[in-house]
PDB file of N, CA and C in Angstrom:
ATOM      1  N   MET A   1     153.740   6.384  74.081  1.00  0.00           N
ATOM      2  CA  MET A   1     152.595   7.111  74.567  1.00  0.00           C
ATOM      3  C   MET A   1     152.109   8.155  73.560  1.00  0.00           C
ATOM      4  N   TYR A   2     152.928   8.444  72.538  1.00  0.00           N
ATOM      5  CA  TYR A   2     152.536   9.437  71.542  1.00  0.00           C
ATOM      6  C   TYR A   2     151.811   8.823  70.350  1.00  0.00           C
ATOM      7  N   PHE A   3     151.945   7.514  70.202  1.00  0.00           N
ATOM      8  CA  PHE A   3     151.370   6.857  69.041  1.00  0.00           C
ATOM      9  C   PHE A   3     149.967   6.328  69.336  1.00  0.00           C
ATOM     10  N   THR A   4     149.051   6.634  68.441  1.00  0.00           N
ATOM     11  CA  THR A   4     147.673   6.163  68.553  1.00  0.00           C
ATOM     12  C   THR A   4     147.542   4.823  67.823  1.00  0.00           C
ATOM     13  N   GLU A   5     146.370   4.248  67.899  1.00  0.00           N
ATOM     14  CA  GLU A   5     146.102   3.011  67.162  1.00  0.00           C
ATOM     15  C   GLU A   5     146.289   3.244  65.659  1.00  0.00           C
ATOM     16  N   GLU A   6     145.881   4.413  65.173  1.00  0.00           N
ATOM     17  CA  GLU A   6     146.051   4.735  63.748  1.00  0.00           C
ATOM     18  C   GLU A   6     147.519   4.772  63.367  1.00  0.00           C
ATOM     19  N   HIS A   7     148.368   5.276  64.256  1.00  0.00           N
ATOM     20  CA  HIS A   7     149.812   5.284  64.001  1.00  0.00           C
ATOM     21  C   HIS A   7     150.335   3.849  63.875  1.00  0.00           C
ATOM     22  N   HIS A   8     149.875   2.981  64.757  1.00  0.00           N
ATOM     23  CA  HIS A   8     150.337   1.585  64.722  1.00  0.00           C
ATOM     24  C   HIS A   8     149.868   0.886  63.449  1.00  0.00           C
ATOM     25  N   VAL A   9     148.666   1.182  63.001  1.00  0.00           N
ATOM     26  CA  VAL A   9     148.152   0.612  61.759  1.00  0.00           C
ATOM     27  C   VAL A   9     148.994   1.114  60.581  1.00  0.00           C
ATOM     28  N   PHE A  10     149.308   2.399  60.591  1.00  0.00           N
ATOM     29  CA  PHE A  10     150.155   2.961  59.541  1.00  0.00           C
ATOM     30  C   PHE A  10     151.530   2.282  59.537  1.00  0.00           C
ATOM     31  N   ARG A  11     152.117   2.107  60.715  1.00  0.00           N
ATOM     32  CA  ARG A  11     153.437   1.481  60.805  1.00  0.00           C
ATOM     33  C   ARG A  11     153.411   0.085  60.174  1.00  0.00           C
ATOM     34  N   LYS A  12     152.415  -0.710  60.525  1.00  0.00           N
ATOM     35  CA  LYS A  12     152.331  -2.061  59.983  1.00  0.00           C
ATOM     36  C   LYS A  12     152.127  -2.025  58.469  1.00  0.00           C
ATOM     37  N   SER A  13     151.259  -1.155  58.019  1.00  0.00           N
ATOM     38  CA  SER A  13     150.986  -1.039  56.584  1.00  0.00           C
ATOM     39  C   SER A  13     152.242  -0.617  55.815  1.00  0.00           C
ATOM     40  N   PHE A  14     152.951   0.380  56.338  1.00  0.00           N
ATOM     41  CA  PHE A  14     154.160   0.852  55.664  1.00  0.00           C
ATOM     42  C   PHE A  14     155.251  -0.211  55.715  1.00  0.00           C
ATOM     43  N   ARG A  15     155.383  -0.877  56.840  1.00  0.00           N
ATOM     44  CA  ARG A  15     156.369  -1.963  56.962  1.00  0.00           C
ATOM     45  C   ARG A  15     156.081  -3.063  55.942  1.00  0.00           C
ATOM     46  N   ASP A  16     154.815  -3.437  55.793  1.00  0.00           N
ATOM     47  CA  ASP A  16     154.432  -4.452  54.809  1.00  0.00           C
ATOM     48  C   ASP A  16     154.735  -3.982  53.389  1.00  0.00           C
ATOM     49  N   PHE A  17     154.455  -2.718  53.109  1.00  0.00           N
ATOM     50  CA  PHE A  17     154.756  -2.142  51.803  1.00  0.00           C
ATOM     51  C   PHE A  17     156.251  -2.237  51.507  1.00  0.00           C
ATOM     52  N   LEU A  18     157.069  -1.839  52.462  1.00  0.00           N
ATOM     53  CA  LEU A  18     158.519  -1.888  52.270  1.00  0.00           C
ATOM     54  C   LEU A  18     159.013  -3.318  52.045  1.00  0.00           C
ATOM     55  N   LYS A  19     158.480  -4.250  52.820  1.00  0.00           N
ATOM     56  CA  LYS A  19     158.864  -5.654  52.677  1.00  0.00           C
ATOM     57  C   LYS A  19     158.545  -6.190  51.286  1.00  0.00           C
ATOM     58  N   LYS A  20     157.387  -5.815  50.791  1.00  0.00           N
ATOM     59  CA  LYS A  20     156.930  -6.322  49.496  1.00  0.00           C
ATOM     60  C   LYS A  20     157.561  -5.580  48.315  1.00  0.00           C
ATOM     61  N   GLU A  21     157.616  -4.260  48.392  1.00  0.00           N
ATOM     62  CA  GLU A  21     157.995  -3.450  47.231  1.00  0.00           C
ATOM     63  C   GLU A  21     159.454  -2.997  47.207  1.00  0.00           C
ATOM     64  N   VAL A  22     160.104  -2.936  48.344  1.00  0.00           N
ATOM     65  CA  VAL A  22     161.455  -2.383  48.407  1.00  0.00           C
ATOM     66  C   VAL A  22     162.510  -3.443  48.689  1.00  0.00           C
ATOM     67  N   VAL A  23     162.320  -4.191  49.763  1.00  0.00           N
ATOM     68  CA  VAL A  23     163.351  -5.134  50.209  1.00  0.00           C
ATOM     69  C   VAL A  23     163.830  -6.091  49.112  1.00  0.00           C
ATOM     70  N   PRO A  24     162.943  -6.637  48.278  1.00  0.00           N
ATOM     71  CA  PRO A  24     163.428  -7.548  47.236  1.00  0.00           C
ATOM     72  C   PRO A  24     164.388  -6.906  46.227  1.00  0.00           C
ATOM     73  N   HIS A  25     164.431  -5.583  46.177  1.00  0.00           N
ATOM     74  CA  HIS A  25     165.250  -4.879  45.186  1.00  0.00           C
ATOM     75  C   HIS A  25     166.489  -4.214  45.771  1.00  0.00           C
ATOM     76  N   ILE A  26     166.611  -4.202  47.081  1.00  0.00           N
ATOM     77  CA  ILE A  26     167.694  -3.474  47.747  1.00  0.00           C
ATOM     78  C   ILE A  26     169.068  -3.916  47.252  1.00  0.00           C
ATOM     79  N   GLU A  27     169.289  -5.192  47.171  1.00  0.00           N
ATOM     80  CA  GLU A  27     170.613  -5.677  46.761  1.00  0.00           C
ATOM     81  C   GLU A  27     170.992  -5.139  45.377  1.00  0.00           C
ATOM     82  N   LYS A  28     170.056  -5.199  44.450  1.00  0.00           N
ATOM     83  CA  LYS A  28     170.308  -4.696  43.096  1.00  0.00           C
ATOM     84  C   LYS A  28     170.590  -3.197  43.125  1.00  0.00           C
ATOM     85  N   TRP A  29     169.768  -2.452  43.865  1.00  0.00           N
ATOM     86  CA  TRP A  29     169.930  -1.006  43.907  1.00  0.00           C
ATOM     87  C   TRP A  29     171.256  -0.620  44.554  1.00  0.00           C
ATOM     88  N   GLU A  30     171.642  -1.341  45.578  1.00  0.00           N
ATOM     89  CA  GLU A  30     172.925  -1.068  46.221  1.00  0.00           C
ATOM     90  C   GLU A  30     174.072  -1.346  45.249  1.00  0.00           C
ATOM     91  N   LYS A  31     173.947  -2.426  44.500  1.00  0.00           N
ATOM     92  CA  LYS A  31     174.998  -2.830  43.563  1.00  0.00           C
ATOM     93  C   LYS A  31     175.123  -1.843  42.399  1.00  0.00           C
ATOM     94  N   THR A  32     173.992  -1.434  41.843  1.00  0.00           N
ATOM     95  CA  THR A  32     174.018  -0.551  40.670  1.00  0.00           C
ATOM     96  C   THR A  32     174.100   0.926  41.039  1.00  0.00           C
ATOM     97  N   GLY A  33     173.731   1.248  42.266  1.00  0.00           N
ATOM     98  CA  GLY A  33     173.709   2.650  42.681  1.00  0.00           C
ATOM     99  C   GLY A  33     172.542   3.424  42.088  1.00  0.00           C
ATOM    100  N   LYS A  34     171.557   2.697  41.593  1.00  0.00           N
ATOM    101  CA  LYS A  34     170.392   3.338  40.971  1.00  0.00           C
ATOM    102  C   LYS A  34     169.111   2.687  41.478  1.00  0.00           C
ATOM    103  N   ILE A  35     168.168   3.530  41.890  1.00  0.00           N
ATOM    104  CA  ILE A  35     166.868   3.060  42.358  1.00  0.00           C
ATOM    105  C   ILE A  35     165.904   3.093  41.171  1.00  0.00           C
ATOM    106  N   ASP A  36     165.259   1.976  40.926  1.00  0.00           N
ATOM    107  CA  ASP A  36     164.321   1.904  39.806  1.00  0.00           C
ATOM    108  C   ASP A  36     163.187   2.919  39.961  1.00  0.00           C
ATOM    109  N   ARG A  37     162.773   3.473  38.841  1.00  0.00           N
ATOM    110  CA  ARG A  37     161.738   4.509  38.816  1.00  0.00           C
ATOM    111  C   ARG A  37     160.405   4.037  39.411  1.00  0.00           C
ATOM    112  N   PHE A  38     160.077   2.771  39.234  1.00  0.00           N
ATOM    113  CA  PHE A  38     158.769   2.287  39.684  1.00  0.00           C
ATOM    114  C   PHE A  38     158.533   2.537  41.166  1.00  0.00           C
ATOM    115  N   ILE A  39     159.596   2.478  41.973  1.00  0.00           N
ATOM    116  CA  ILE A  39     159.388   2.619  43.415  1.00  0.00           C
ATOM    117  C   ILE A  39     159.050   4.062  43.780  1.00  0.00           C
ATOM    118  N   TRP A  40     159.604   5.019  43.049  1.00  0.00           N
ATOM    119  CA  TRP A  40     159.263   6.423  43.281  1.00  0.00           C
ATOM    120  C   TRP A  40     157.783   6.626  42.983  1.00  0.00           C
ATOM    121  N   GLU A  41     157.334   6.024  41.896  1.00  0.00           N
ATOM    122  CA  GLU A  41     155.927   6.145  41.521  1.00  0.00           C
ATOM    123  C   GLU A  41     155.016   5.484  42.557  1.00  0.00           C
ATOM    124  N   LYS A  42     155.434   4.325  43.065  1.00  0.00           N
ATOM    125  CA  LYS A  42     154.620   3.639  44.074  1.00  0.00           C
ATOM    126  C   LYS A  42     154.551   4.446  45.367  1.00  0.00           C
ATOM    127  N   PHE A  43     155.662   5.040  45.776  1.00  0.00           N
ATOM    128  CA  PHE A  43     155.650   5.877  46.975  1.00  0.00           C
ATOM    129  C   PHE A  43     154.676   7.033  46.789  1.00  0.00           C
ATOM    130  N   GLY A  44     154.681   7.616  45.597  1.00  0.00           N
ATOM    131  CA  GLY A  44     153.752   8.707  45.304  1.00  0.00           C
ATOM    132  C   GLY A  44     152.305   8.242  45.301  1.00  0.00           C
ATOM    133  N   GLU A  45     152.046   7.118  44.636  1.00  0.00           N
ATOM    134  CA  GLU A  45     150.682   6.578  44.571  1.00  0.00           C
ATOM    135  C   GLU A  45     150.134   6.281  45.962  1.00  0.00           C
ATOM    136  N   MET A  46     150.979   5.799  46.836  1.00  0.00           N
ATOM    137  CA  MET A  46     150.555   5.450  48.188  1.00  0.00           C
ATOM    138  C   MET A  46     150.419   6.670  49.103  1.00  0.00           C
ATOM    139  N   GLY A  47     150.873   7.822  48.633  1.00  0.00           N
ATOM    140  CA  GLY A  47     150.765   9.043  49.433  1.00  0.00           C
ATOM    141  C   GLY A  47     151.909   9.252  50.408  1.00  0.00           C
ATOM    142  N   TYR A  48     152.935   8.413  50.337  1.00  0.00           N
ATOM    143  CA  TYR A  48     154.020   8.506  51.319  1.00  0.00           C
ATOM    144  C   TYR A  48     154.831   9.789  51.203  1.00  0.00           C
ATOM    145  N   PHE A  49     154.897  10.378  50.016  1.00  0.00           N
ATOM    146  CA  PHE A  49     155.635  11.634  49.880  1.00  0.00           C
ATOM    147  C   PHE A  49     154.851  12.815  50.429  1.00  0.00           C
ATOM    148  N   GLY A  50     153.562  12.663  50.635  1.00  0.00           N
ATOM    149  CA  GLY A  50     152.740  13.779  51.073  1.00  0.00           C
ATOM    150  C   GLY A  50     152.221  13.685  52.488  1.00  0.00           C
ATOM    151  N   LEU A  51     152.839  12.871  53.309  1.00  0.00           N
ATOM    152  CA  LEU A  51     152.320  12.661  54.663  1.00  0.00           C
ATOM    153  C   LEU A  51     152.079  13.955  55.422  1.00  0.00           C
ATOM    154  N   SER A  52     153.035  14.860  55.376  1.00  0.00           N
ATOM    155  CA  SER A  52     152.914  16.069  56.194  1.00  0.00           C
ATOM    156  C   SER A  52     152.537  17.312  55.396  1.00  0.00           C
ATOM    157  N   TYR A  53     152.265  17.149  54.115  1.00  0.00           N
ATOM    158  CA  TYR A  53     151.905  18.298  53.286  1.00  0.00           C
ATOM    159  C   TYR A  53     150.391  18.486  53.246  1.00  0.00           C
ATOM    160  N   PRO A  54     149.943  19.722  53.050  1.00  0.00           N
ATOM    161  CA  PRO A  54     148.500  19.995  53.045  1.00  0.00           C
ATOM    162  C   PRO A  54     147.779  19.317  51.877  1.00  0.00           C
ATOM    163  N   LYS A  55     146.523  19.037  52.095  1.00  0.00           N
ATOM    164  CA  LYS A  55     145.694  18.385  51.079  1.00  0.00           C
ATOM    165  C   LYS A  55     145.617  19.211  49.801  1.00  0.00           C
ATOM    166  N   GLU A  56     145.660  20.520  49.923  1.00  0.00           N
ATOM    167  CA  GLU A  56     145.563  21.381  48.740  1.00  0.00           C
ATOM    168  C   GLU A  56     146.716  21.160  47.763  1.00  0.00           C
ATOM    169  N   TYR A  57     147.809  20.560  48.239  1.00  0.00           N
ATOM    170  CA  TYR A  57     148.946  20.262  47.368  1.00  0.00           C
ATOM    171  C   TYR A  57     149.143  18.757  47.208  1.00  0.00           C
ATOM    172  N   GLY A  58     148.078  18.020  47.388  1.00  0.00           N
ATOM    173  CA  GLY A  58     148.136  16.583  47.178  1.00  0.00           C
ATOM    174  C   GLY A  58     148.584  15.780  48.381  1.00  0.00           C
ATOM    175  N   GLY A  59     148.805  16.453  49.498  1.00  0.00           N
ATOM    176  CA  GLY A  59     149.254  15.765  50.700  1.00  0.00           C
ATOM    177  C   GLY A  59     148.113  15.168  51.499  1.00  0.00           C
ATOM    178  N   ILE A  60     148.470  14.645  52.655  1.00  0.00           N
ATOM    179  CA  ILE A  60     147.489  14.000  53.519  1.00  0.00           C
ATOM    180  C   ILE A  60     147.305  14.775  54.825  1.00  0.00           C
ATOM    181  N   SER A  61     148.227  15.685  55.133  1.00  0.00           N
ATOM    182  CA  SER A  61     148.157  16.523  56.346  1.00  0.00           C
ATOM    183  C   SER A  61     148.119  15.708  57.638  1.00  0.00           C
ATOM    184  N   LEU A  62     148.975  14.735  57.749  1.00  0.00           N
ATOM    185  CA  LEU A  62     149.027  13.934  58.971  1.00  0.00           C
ATOM    186  C   LEU A  62     149.989  14.557  59.978  1.00  0.00           C
ATOM    187  N   ASP A  63     149.868  14.158  61.223  1.00  0.00           N
ATOM    188  CA  ASP A  63     150.726  14.729  62.262  1.00  0.00           C
ATOM    189  C   ASP A  63     152.170  14.232  62.132  1.00  0.00           C
ATOM    190  N   ILE A  64     153.047  14.863  62.864  1.00  0.00           N
ATOM    191  CA  ILE A  64     154.492  14.611  62.791  1.00  0.00           C
ATOM    192  C   ILE A  64     154.857  13.168  63.133  1.00  0.00           C
ATOM    193  N   PHE A  65     154.037  12.499  63.923  1.00  0.00           N
ATOM    194  CA  PHE A  65     154.380  11.145  64.331  1.00  0.00           C
ATOM    195  C   PHE A  65     154.301  10.148  63.171  1.00  0.00           C
ATOM    196  N   TYR A  66     153.509  10.453  62.161  1.00  0.00           N
ATOM    197  CA  TYR A  66     153.504   9.603  60.962  1.00  0.00           C
ATOM    198  C   TYR A  66     154.850   9.694  60.255  1.00  0.00           C
ATOM    199  N   MET A  67     155.418  10.885  60.221  1.00  0.00           N
ATOM    200  CA  MET A  67     156.733  11.052  59.595  1.00  0.00           C
ATOM    201  C   MET A  67     157.811  10.367  60.432  1.00  0.00           C
ATOM    202  N   VAL A  68     157.677  10.400  61.735  1.00  0.00           N
ATOM    203  CA  VAL A  68     158.628   9.689  62.607  1.00  0.00           C
ATOM    204  C   VAL A  68     158.587   8.195  62.278  1.00  0.00           C
ATOM    205  N   ILE A  69     157.402   7.650  62.174  1.00  0.00           N
ATOM    206  CA  ILE A  69     157.241   6.232  61.838  1.00  0.00           C
ATOM    207  C   ILE A  69     157.821   5.952  60.454  1.00  0.00           C
ATOM    208  N   PHE A  70     157.521   6.818  59.500  1.00  0.00           N
ATOM    209  CA  PHE A  70     158.026   6.690  58.134  1.00  0.00           C
ATOM    210  C   PHE A  70     159.553   6.585  58.143  1.00  0.00           C
ATOM    211  N   LEU A  71     160.205   7.480  58.855  1.00  0.00           N
ATOM    212  CA  LEU A  71     161.669   7.485  58.904  1.00  0.00           C
ATOM    213  C   LEU A  71     162.217   6.268  59.651  1.00  0.00           C
ATOM    214  N   GLU A  72     161.575   5.898  60.748  1.00  0.00           N
ATOM    215  CA  GLU A  72     162.020   4.714  61.492  1.00  0.00           C
ATOM    216  C   GLU A  72     161.960   3.461  60.623  1.00  0.00           C
ATOM    217  N   GLU A  73     160.855   3.281  59.930  1.00  0.00           N
ATOM    218  CA  GLU A  73     160.687   2.078  59.121  1.00  0.00           C
ATOM    219  C   GLU A  73     161.618   2.069  57.907  1.00  0.00           C
ATOM    220  N   LEU A  74     161.891   3.227  57.341  1.00  0.00           N
ATOM    221  CA  LEU A  74     162.836   3.287  56.220  1.00  0.00           C
ATOM    222  C   LEU A  74     164.209   2.771  56.620  1.00  0.00           C
ATOM    223  N   GLN A  75     164.606   3.042  57.856  1.00  0.00           N
ATOM    224  CA  GLN A  75     165.927   2.602  58.314  1.00  0.00           C
ATOM    225  C   GLN A  75     166.015   1.081  58.435  1.00  0.00           C
ATOM    226  N   LYS A  76     164.889   0.438  58.574  1.00  0.00           N
ATOM    227  CA  LYS A  76     164.869  -1.008  58.797  1.00  0.00           C
ATOM    228  C   LYS A  76     165.028  -1.829  57.522  1.00  0.00           C
ATOM    229  N   VAL A  77     165.076  -1.196  56.357  1.00  0.00           N
ATOM    230  CA  VAL A  77     165.273  -1.958  55.118  1.00  0.00           C
ATOM    231  C   VAL A  77     166.755  -2.253  54.887  1.00  0.00           C
ATOM    232  N   ASN A  78     167.598  -1.781  55.801  1.00  0.00           N
ATOM    233  CA  ASN A  78     169.044  -2.045  55.748  1.00  0.00           C
ATOM    234  C   ASN A  78     169.712  -1.517  54.492  1.00  0.00           C
ATOM    235  N   SER A  79     169.295  -0.340  54.080  1.00  0.00           N
ATOM    236  CA  SER A  79     169.946   0.338  52.969  1.00  0.00           C
ATOM    237  C   SER A  79     169.963   1.827  53.261  1.00  0.00           C
ATOM    238  N   GLY A  80     171.088   2.276  53.761  1.00  0.00           N
ATOM    239  CA  GLY A  80     171.223   3.702  54.042  1.00  0.00           C
ATOM    240  C   GLY A  80     171.052   4.542  52.792  1.00  0.00           C
ATOM    241  N   GLY A  81     171.512   4.017  51.651  1.00  0.00           N
ATOM    242  CA  GLY A  81     171.382   4.745  50.395  1.00  0.00           C
ATOM    243  C   GLY A  81     169.938   4.946  49.993  1.00  0.00           C
ATOM    244  N   PHE A  82     169.147   3.883  50.088  1.00  0.00           N
ATOM    245  CA  PHE A  82     167.739   3.993  49.732  1.00  0.00           C
ATOM    246  C   PHE A  82     167.022   4.945  50.687  1.00  0.00           C
ATOM    247  N   ALA A  83     167.211   4.750  51.976  1.00  0.00           N
ATOM    248  CA  ALA A  83     166.553   5.605  52.968  1.00  0.00           C
ATOM    249  C   ALA A  83     166.947   7.067  52.754  1.00  0.00           C
ATOM    250  N   ALA A  84     168.232   7.319  52.526  1.00  0.00           N
ATOM    251  CA  ALA A  84     168.694   8.695  52.322  1.00  0.00           C
ATOM    252  C   ALA A  84     168.089   9.296  51.060  1.00  0.00           C
ATOM    253  N   ALA A  85     167.971   8.516  50.005  1.00  0.00           N
ATOM    254  CA  ALA A  85     167.385   9.022  48.762  1.00  0.00           C
ATOM    255  C   ALA A  85     165.931   9.424  48.979  1.00  0.00           C
ATOM    256  N   ILE A  86     165.195   8.589  49.697  1.00  0.00           N
ATOM    257  CA  ILE A  86     163.783   8.890  49.941  1.00  0.00           C
ATOM    258  C   ILE A  86     163.643  10.126  50.813  1.00  0.00           C
ATOM    259  N   TRP A  87     164.348  10.174  51.938  1.00  0.00           N
ATOM    260  CA  TRP A  87     164.146  11.343  52.790  1.00  0.00           C
ATOM    261  C   TRP A  87     164.775  12.596  52.236  1.00  0.00           C
ATOM    262  N   ALA A  88     165.768  12.485  51.361  1.00  0.00           N
ATOM    263  CA  ALA A  88     166.286  13.683  50.694  1.00  0.00           C
ATOM    264  C   ALA A  88     165.217  14.260  49.778  1.00  0.00           C
ATOM    265  N   HIS A  89     164.490  13.381  49.122  1.00  0.00           N
ATOM    266  CA  HIS A  89     163.409  13.836  48.242  1.00  0.00           C
ATOM    267  C   HIS A  89     162.335  14.560  49.068  1.00  0.00           C
ATOM    268  N   VAL A  90     161.937  13.937  50.155  1.00  0.00           N
ATOM    269  CA  VAL A  90     160.873  14.504  50.989  1.00  0.00           C
ATOM    270  C   VAL A  90     161.342  15.771  51.702  1.00  0.00           C
ATOM    271  N   TYR A  91     162.530  15.738  52.306  1.00  0.00           N
ATOM    272  CA  TYR A  91     162.966  16.861  53.132  1.00  0.00           C
ATOM    273  C   TYR A  91     163.728  17.940  52.391  1.00  0.00           C
ATOM    274  N   LEU A  92     164.558  17.577  51.446  1.00  0.00           N
ATOM    275  CA  LEU A  92     165.344  18.598  50.760  1.00  0.00           C
ATOM    276  C   LEU A  92     164.586  19.189  49.580  1.00  0.00           C
ATOM    277  N   ALA A  93     164.149  18.349  48.689  1.00  0.00           N
ATOM    278  CA  ALA A  93     163.483  18.839  47.482  1.00  0.00           C
ATOM    279  C   ALA A  93     162.088  19.378  47.781  1.00  0.00           C
ATOM    280  N   MET A  94     161.250  18.545  48.365  1.00  0.00           N
ATOM    281  CA  MET A  94     159.854  18.937  48.558  1.00  0.00           C
ATOM    282  C   MET A  94     159.698  20.053  49.591  1.00  0.00           C
ATOM    283  N   THR A  95     160.480  20.033  50.639  1.00  0.00           N
ATOM    284  CA  THR A  95     160.382  21.080  51.655  1.00  0.00           C
ATOM    285  C   THR A  95     160.730  22.432  51.055  1.00  0.00           C
ATOM    286  N   HIS A  96     161.772  22.462  50.232  1.00  0.00           N
ATOM    287  CA  HIS A  96     162.177  23.717  49.606  1.00  0.00           C
ATOM    288  C   HIS A  96     161.058  24.251  48.701  1.00  0.00           C
ATOM    289  N   VAL A  97     160.483  23.373  47.893  1.00  0.00           N
ATOM    290  CA  VAL A  97     159.383  23.789  47.018  1.00  0.00           C
ATOM    291  C   VAL A  97     158.204  24.292  47.854  1.00  0.00           C
ATOM    292  N   TYR A  98     157.870  23.560  48.914  1.00  0.00           N
ATOM    293  CA  TYR A  98     156.733  23.942  49.755  1.00  0.00           C
ATOM    294  C   TYR A  98     156.972  25.277  50.475  1.00  0.00           C
ATOM    295  N   LYS A  99     158.152  25.470  50.997  1.00  0.00           N
ATOM    296  CA  LYS A  99     158.440  26.685  51.775  1.00  0.00           C
ATOM    297  C   LYS A  99     158.685  27.905  50.891  1.00  0.00           C
ATOM    298  N   GLU A 100     159.305  27.705  49.738  1.00  0.00           N
ATOM    299  CA  GLU A 100     159.736  28.835  48.921  1.00  0.00           C
ATOM    300  C   GLU A 100     158.932  29.051  47.641  1.00  0.00           C
ATOM    301  N   GLY A 101     158.243  28.018  47.165  1.00  0.00           N
ATOM    302  CA  GLY A 101     157.536  28.138  45.898  1.00  0.00           C
ATOM    303  C   GLY A 101     156.223  28.890  46.025  1.00  0.00           C
ATOM    304  N   ASP A 102     155.835  29.538  44.919  1.00  0.00           N
ATOM    305  CA  ASP A 102     154.518  30.171  44.918  1.00  0.00           C
ATOM    306  C   ASP A 102     153.461  29.086  44.680  1.00  0.00           C
ATOM    307  N   ASP A 103     152.211  29.469  44.712  1.00  0.00           N
ATOM    308  CA  ASP A 103     151.115  28.506  44.604  1.00  0.00           C
ATOM    309  C   ASP A 103     151.204  27.694  43.305  1.00  0.00           C
ATOM    310  N   GLN A 104     151.536  28.349  42.210  1.00  0.00           N
ATOM    311  CA  GLN A 104     151.633  27.661  40.915  1.00  0.00           C
ATOM    312  C   GLN A 104     152.727  26.589  40.944  1.00  0.00           C
ATOM    313  N   ILE A 105     153.862  26.921  41.493  1.00  0.00           N
ATOM    314  CA  ILE A 105     154.979  25.964  41.597  1.00  0.00           C
ATOM    315  C   ILE A 105     154.589  24.801  42.503  1.00  0.00           C
ATOM    316  N   LYS A 106     153.960  25.097  43.634  1.00  0.00           N
ATOM    317  CA  LYS A 106     153.542  24.040  44.559  1.00  0.00           C
ATOM    318  C   LYS A 106     152.561  23.092  43.892  1.00  0.00           C
ATOM    319  N   ARG A 107     151.605  23.626  43.186  1.00  0.00           N
ATOM    320  CA  ARG A 107     150.615  22.770  42.506  1.00  0.00           C
ATOM    321  C   ARG A 107     151.267  21.931  41.414  1.00  0.00           C
ATOM    322  N   LYS A 108     152.231  22.516  40.718  1.00  0.00           N
ATOM    323  CA  LYS A 108     152.891  21.798  39.621  1.00  0.00           C
ATOM    324  C   LYS A 108     153.778  20.662  40.132  1.00  0.00           C
ATOM    325  N   TYR A 109     154.537  20.902  41.211  1.00  0.00           N
ATOM    326  CA  TYR A 109     155.530  19.929  41.647  1.00  0.00           C
ATOM    327  C   TYR A 109     155.134  19.103  42.858  1.00  0.00           C
ATOM    328  N   LEU A 110     154.333  19.635  43.743  1.00  0.00           N
ATOM    329  CA  LEU A 110     153.965  18.864  44.927  1.00  0.00           C
ATOM    330  C   LEU A 110     152.755  17.977  44.690  1.00  0.00           C
ATOM    331  N   THR A 111     151.760  18.522  44.028  1.00  0.00           N
ATOM    332  CA  THR A 111     150.511  17.783  43.845  1.00  0.00           C
ATOM    333  C   THR A 111     150.708  16.443  43.151  1.00  0.00           C
ATOM    334  N   PRO A 112     151.458  16.374  42.060  1.00  0.00           N
ATOM    335  CA  PRO A 112     151.629  15.045  41.424  1.00  0.00           C
ATOM    336  C   PRO A 112     152.322  14.062  42.362  1.00  0.00           C
TER     337      PRO A 112
END
């Protein structure tokens, strides 16, 4: 009851993205313990790292339910390591910069 049609469209789009860009590489990443750089760049290009951040810092300023969907779908790729790496980046690194950094730091690290 909390999800709108836009939320459902986002879920399908993100699920398709994960299927195409992430799932084919999971086995390799699990084996090597290293996530290829290209996927970090693709997540950034698609705006997935900025879902809940303000537009002034390169974010999209979407509601909390987009992040709920983001986290739910990440769990479905069957790689706890990959999911943890992504949400650690979003929640640990980026949240700290957003909450504690001055405007210059936020523009330098969040916007890209």
